[in-house]
Amino acid sequence: ADNECFSSLQLAREALKALAYSPNDQQLAIGGSDNSIYLWDGQSQEPGIKLDGHSTTIQSIIYSPCAQWIASGSKDRTVQLW
């Protein structure tokens, strides 16, 4: 996966397809129609990491109970573990 930082969180309303808060409320994961997941730091309100790996729209995101892992599913019928 190609991870890179992003400087702002500006997704069009129609591009937002899935989101999940981490169990510890420290991070927000946002998935969109651009096939990427964006991680937003909930404490500092700072942008975080962009996760790329799916070939189509992200449809679901979930954190593990320990908040160390994220699973995402997309229209490409794959699940990625981050």
N, C-alpha and C. Protein backbone atom coordinates (compact mmCIF):
# COMPACT_ATOMS: atom_id res chain seq x y z
N ALA A 1 0.84 -1.19 0.00
CA ALA A 1 0.00 0.00 0.00
C ALA A 1 0.87 1.24 0.00
N ASP A 2 0.37 2.26 -0.64
CA ASP A 2 1.09 3.52 -0.75
C ASP A 2 0.53 4.48 0.28
N ASN A 3 1.28 4.76 1.33
CA ASN A 3 0.84 5.65 2.40
C ASN A 3 1.49 7.00 2.22
N GLU A 4 0.69 8.05 2.33
CA GLU A 4 1.24 9.39 2.23
C GLU A 4 0.43 10.31 3.13
N CYS A 5 1.04 11.40 3.57
CA CYS A 5 0.33 12.36 4.39
C CYS A 5 -0.57 13.21 3.51
N PHE A 6 -1.65 13.71 4.09
CA PHE A 6 -2.48 14.65 3.36
C PHE A 6 -2.65 15.88 4.23
N SER A 7 -2.84 17.03 3.59
CA SER A 7 -2.79 18.28 4.32
C SER A 7 -4.16 18.82 4.70
N SER A 8 -5.21 18.33 4.11
CA SER A 8 -6.55 18.79 4.48
C SER A 8 -7.54 17.68 4.22
N LEU A 9 -8.66 17.76 4.88
CA LEU A 9 -9.69 16.75 4.73
C LEU A 9 -10.87 17.39 4.02
N GLN A 10 -10.84 17.35 2.69
CA GLN A 10 -11.88 17.96 1.90
C GLN A 10 -12.40 16.92 0.91
N LEU A 11 -13.41 16.18 1.35
CA LEU A 11 -14.05 15.20 0.47
C LEU A 11 -15.44 15.71 0.16
N ALA A 12 -15.80 15.65 -1.10
CA ALA A 12 -17.16 16.03 -1.48
C ALA A 12 -18.14 15.08 -0.80
N ARG A 13 -19.30 15.57 -0.51
CA ARG A 13 -20.30 14.76 0.18
C ARG A 13 -20.56 13.45 -0.55
N GLU A 14 -20.63 13.48 -1.86
CA GLU A 14 -20.87 12.26 -2.63
C GLU A 14 -19.67 11.33 -2.64
N ALA A 15 -18.49 11.82 -2.29
CA ALA A 15 -17.29 10.99 -2.26
C ALA A 15 -17.16 10.21 -0.96
N LEU A 16 -17.80 10.68 0.11
CA LEU A 16 -17.74 10.01 1.41
C LEU A 16 -18.62 8.77 1.40
N LYS A 17 -18.00 7.61 1.60
CA LYS A 17 -18.74 6.35 1.53
C LYS A 17 -18.75 5.56 2.83
N ALA A 18 -17.74 5.72 3.68
CA ALA A 18 -17.67 4.96 4.92
C ALA A 18 -16.80 5.71 5.92
N LEU A 19 -17.12 5.55 7.21
CA LEU A 19 -16.26 6.12 8.23
C LEU A 19 -16.40 5.33 9.52
N ALA A 20 -15.37 5.41 10.33
CA ALA A 20 -15.37 4.71 11.61
C ALA A 20 -14.46 5.45 12.58
N TYR A 21 -14.93 5.58 13.83
CA TYR A 21 -14.09 6.09 14.92
C TYR A 21 -13.37 4.92 15.55
N SER A 22 -12.12 5.14 15.94
CA SER A 22 -11.39 4.10 16.67
C SER A 22 -12.05 3.91 18.03
N PRO A 23 -11.92 2.73 18.62
CA PRO A 23 -12.54 2.47 19.93
C PRO A 23 -12.07 3.42 21.04
N ASN A 24 -10.87 3.95 20.90
CA ASN A 24 -10.35 4.89 21.90
C ASN A 24 -10.62 6.35 21.53
N ASP A 25 -11.40 6.57 20.48
CA ASP A 25 -11.77 7.91 20.00
C ASP A 25 -10.57 8.78 19.66
N GLN A 26 -9.46 8.17 19.32
CA GLN A 26 -8.25 8.91 18.98
C GLN A 26 -8.14 9.20 17.49
N GLN A 27 -8.89 8.47 16.67
CA GLN A 27 -8.70 8.55 15.22
C GLN A 27 -10.02 8.31 14.50
N LEU A 28 -10.16 8.96 13.36
CA LEU A 28 -11.31 8.77 12.48
C LEU A 28 -10.80 8.26 11.14
N ALA A 29 -11.35 7.15 10.68
CA ALA A 29 -10.99 6.61 9.37
C ALA A 29 -12.13 6.92 8.41
N ILE A 30 -11.79 7.51 7.27
CA ILE A 30 -12.78 7.93 6.29
C ILE A 30 -12.46 7.28 4.96
N GLY A 31 -13.43 6.61 4.37
CA GLY A 31 -13.26 5.97 3.07
C GLY A 31 -14.13 6.64 2.03
N GLY A 32 -13.62 6.69 0.82
CA GLY A 32 -14.36 7.39 -0.21
C GLY A 32 -14.35 6.71 -1.56
N SER A 33 -14.99 7.38 -2.48
CA SER A 33 -15.09 6.86 -3.83
C SER A 33 -13.77 6.99 -4.59
N ASP A 34 -12.77 7.61 -3.99
CA ASP A 34 -11.45 7.71 -4.63
C ASP A 34 -10.58 6.50 -4.29
N ASN A 35 -11.19 5.45 -3.68
CA ASN A 35 -10.51 4.18 -3.37
C ASN A 35 -9.50 4.28 -2.24
N SER A 36 -9.50 5.35 -1.49
CA SER A 36 -8.53 5.58 -0.42
C SER A 36 -9.21 5.68 0.93
N ILE A 37 -8.42 5.46 1.98
CA ILE A 37 -8.85 5.67 3.36
C ILE A 37 -7.98 6.77 3.94
N TYR A 38 -8.61 7.72 4.59
CA TYR A 38 -7.90 8.83 5.22
C TYR A 38 -8.04 8.68 6.72
N LEU A 39 -6.91 8.78 7.43
CA LEU A 39 -6.90 8.71 8.89
C LEU A 39 -6.74 10.11 9.45
N TRP A 40 -7.65 10.50 10.31
CA TRP A 40 -7.66 11.84 10.90
C TRP A 40 -7.43 11.72 12.39
N ASP A 41 -6.48 12.48 12.93
CA ASP A 41 -6.17 12.46 14.36
C ASP A 41 -7.23 13.25 15.11
N GLY A 42 -8.00 12.56 15.94
CA GLY A 42 -9.10 13.19 16.66
C GLY A 42 -8.66 14.08 17.80
N GLN A 43 -7.48 13.89 18.33
CA GLN A 43 -6.99 14.71 19.44
C GLN A 43 -6.44 16.04 18.97
N SER A 44 -5.60 16.00 17.97
CA SER A 44 -4.94 17.22 17.52
C SER A 44 -5.70 17.92 16.40
N GLN A 45 -6.72 17.23 15.84
CA GLN A 45 -7.45 17.76 14.70
C GLN A 45 -6.53 17.98 13.50
N GLU A 46 -5.46 17.19 13.45
CA GLU A 46 -4.50 17.29 12.35
C GLU A 46 -4.72 16.18 11.35
N PRO A 47 -4.42 16.45 10.09
CA PRO A 47 -4.51 15.40 9.07
C PRO A 47 -3.50 14.31 9.34
N GLY A 48 -3.78 13.16 8.82
CA GLY A 48 -2.91 12.02 9.07
C GLY A 48 -2.45 11.33 7.81
N ILE A 49 -2.70 10.04 7.74
CA ILE A 49 -2.17 9.20 6.69
C ILE A 49 -3.26 8.86 5.68
N LYS A 50 -2.86 8.76 4.44
CA LYS A 50 -3.74 8.29 3.37
C LYS A 50 -3.33 6.86 3.03
N LEU A 51 -4.29 5.93 3.08
CA LEU A 51 -4.03 4.53 2.78
C LEU A 51 -4.61 4.18 1.42
N ASP A 52 -3.78 3.67 0.54
CA ASP A 52 -4.22 3.25 -0.79
C ASP A 52 -3.98 1.75 -0.94
N GLY A 53 -4.93 1.05 -1.55
CA GLY A 53 -4.76 -0.38 -1.76
C GLY A 53 -5.94 -1.02 -2.45
N HIS A 54 -7.10 -0.39 -2.37
CA HIS A 54 -8.28 -0.92 -3.05
C HIS A 54 -8.33 -0.38 -4.48
N SER A 55 -9.00 -1.12 -5.36
CA SER A 55 -9.10 -0.67 -6.74
C SER A 55 -10.45 -0.03 -7.06
N THR A 56 -11.39 -0.07 -6.10
CA THR A 56 -12.68 0.59 -6.28
C THR A 56 -13.13 1.22 -4.97
N THR A 57 -14.31 1.80 -4.98
CA THR A 57 -14.87 2.55 -3.86
C THR A 57 -14.86 1.77 -2.55
N ILE A 58 -14.43 2.44 -1.48
CA ILE A 58 -14.47 1.87 -0.14
C ILE A 58 -15.94 1.84 0.31
N GLN A 59 -16.39 0.69 0.81
CA GLN A 59 -17.77 0.58 1.26
C GLN A 59 -17.91 0.40 2.76
N SER A 60 -16.87 -0.10 3.42
CA SER A 60 -16.98 -0.30 4.87
C SER A 60 -15.61 -0.21 5.52
N ILE A 61 -15.62 0.25 6.76
CA ILE A 61 -14.40 0.37 7.56
C ILE A 61 -14.75 -0.02 8.99
N ILE A 62 -13.86 -0.77 9.63
CA ILE A 62 -14.05 -1.11 11.04
C ILE A 62 -12.68 -1.21 11.71
N TYR A 63 -12.63 -0.76 12.96
CA TYR A 63 -11.41 -0.88 13.77
C TYR A 63 -11.48 -2.15 14.59
N SER A 64 -10.31 -2.71 14.89
CA SER A 64 -10.25 -3.82 15.84
C SER A 64 -10.52 -3.25 17.23
N PRO A 65 -10.97 -4.07 18.18
CA PRO A 65 -11.25 -3.59 19.53
C PRO A 65 -10.05 -2.92 20.21
N CYS A 66 -8.85 -3.33 19.86
CA CYS A 66 -7.65 -2.73 20.46
C CYS A 66 -7.22 -1.44 19.75
N ALA A 67 -7.89 -1.10 18.67
CA ALA A 67 -7.62 0.13 17.87
C ALA A 67 -6.28 0.08 17.14
N GLN A 68 -5.67 -1.09 17.03
CA GLN A 68 -4.38 -1.20 16.34
C GLN A 68 -4.53 -1.56 14.87
N TRP A 69 -5.68 -2.09 14.48
CA TRP A 69 -5.89 -2.55 13.11
C TRP A 69 -7.18 -1.95 12.55
N ILE A 70 -7.18 -1.77 11.23
CA ILE A 70 -8.37 -1.33 10.51
C ILE A 70 -8.62 -2.34 9.40
N ALA A 71 -9.86 -2.75 9.25
CA ALA A 71 -10.25 -3.59 8.11
C ALA A 71 -11.17 -2.76 7.23
N SER A 72 -10.96 -2.85 5.93
CA SER A 72 -11.79 -2.11 4.98
C SER A 72 -12.24 -3.04 3.87
N GLY A 73 -13.44 -2.81 3.40
CA GLY A 73 -13.99 -3.57 2.29
C GLY A 73 -14.38 -2.62 1.17
N SER A 74 -14.30 -3.10 -0.06
CA SER A 74 -14.64 -2.24 -1.18
C SER A 74 -15.46 -2.99 -2.22
N LYS A 75 -15.90 -2.24 -3.22
CA LYS A 75 -16.68 -2.84 -4.31
C LYS A 75 -15.88 -3.85 -5.11
N ASP A 76 -14.56 -3.85 -4.96
CA ASP A 76 -13.74 -4.83 -5.68
C ASP A 76 -13.78 -6.21 -5.03
N ARG A 77 -14.64 -6.34 -4.00
CA ARG A 77 -14.86 -7.60 -3.28
C ARG A 77 -13.62 -8.10 -2.55
N THR A 78 -12.82 -7.14 -2.07
CA THR A 78 -11.64 -7.50 -1.29
C THR A 78 -11.75 -6.84 0.08
N VAL A 79 -11.02 -7.39 1.04
CA VAL A 79 -10.88 -6.82 2.36
C VAL A 79 -9.40 -6.55 2.58
N GLN A 80 -9.08 -5.36 3.02
CA GLN A 80 -7.69 -5.01 3.33
C GLN A 80 -7.57 -4.88 4.85
N LEU A 81 -6.46 -5.36 5.38
CA LEU A 81 -6.16 -5.20 6.79
C LEU A 81 -4.97 -4.25 6.89
N TRP A 82 -5.15 -3.18 7.62
CA TRP A 82 -4.13 -2.12 7.71
C TRP A 82 -3.55 -2.11 9.12
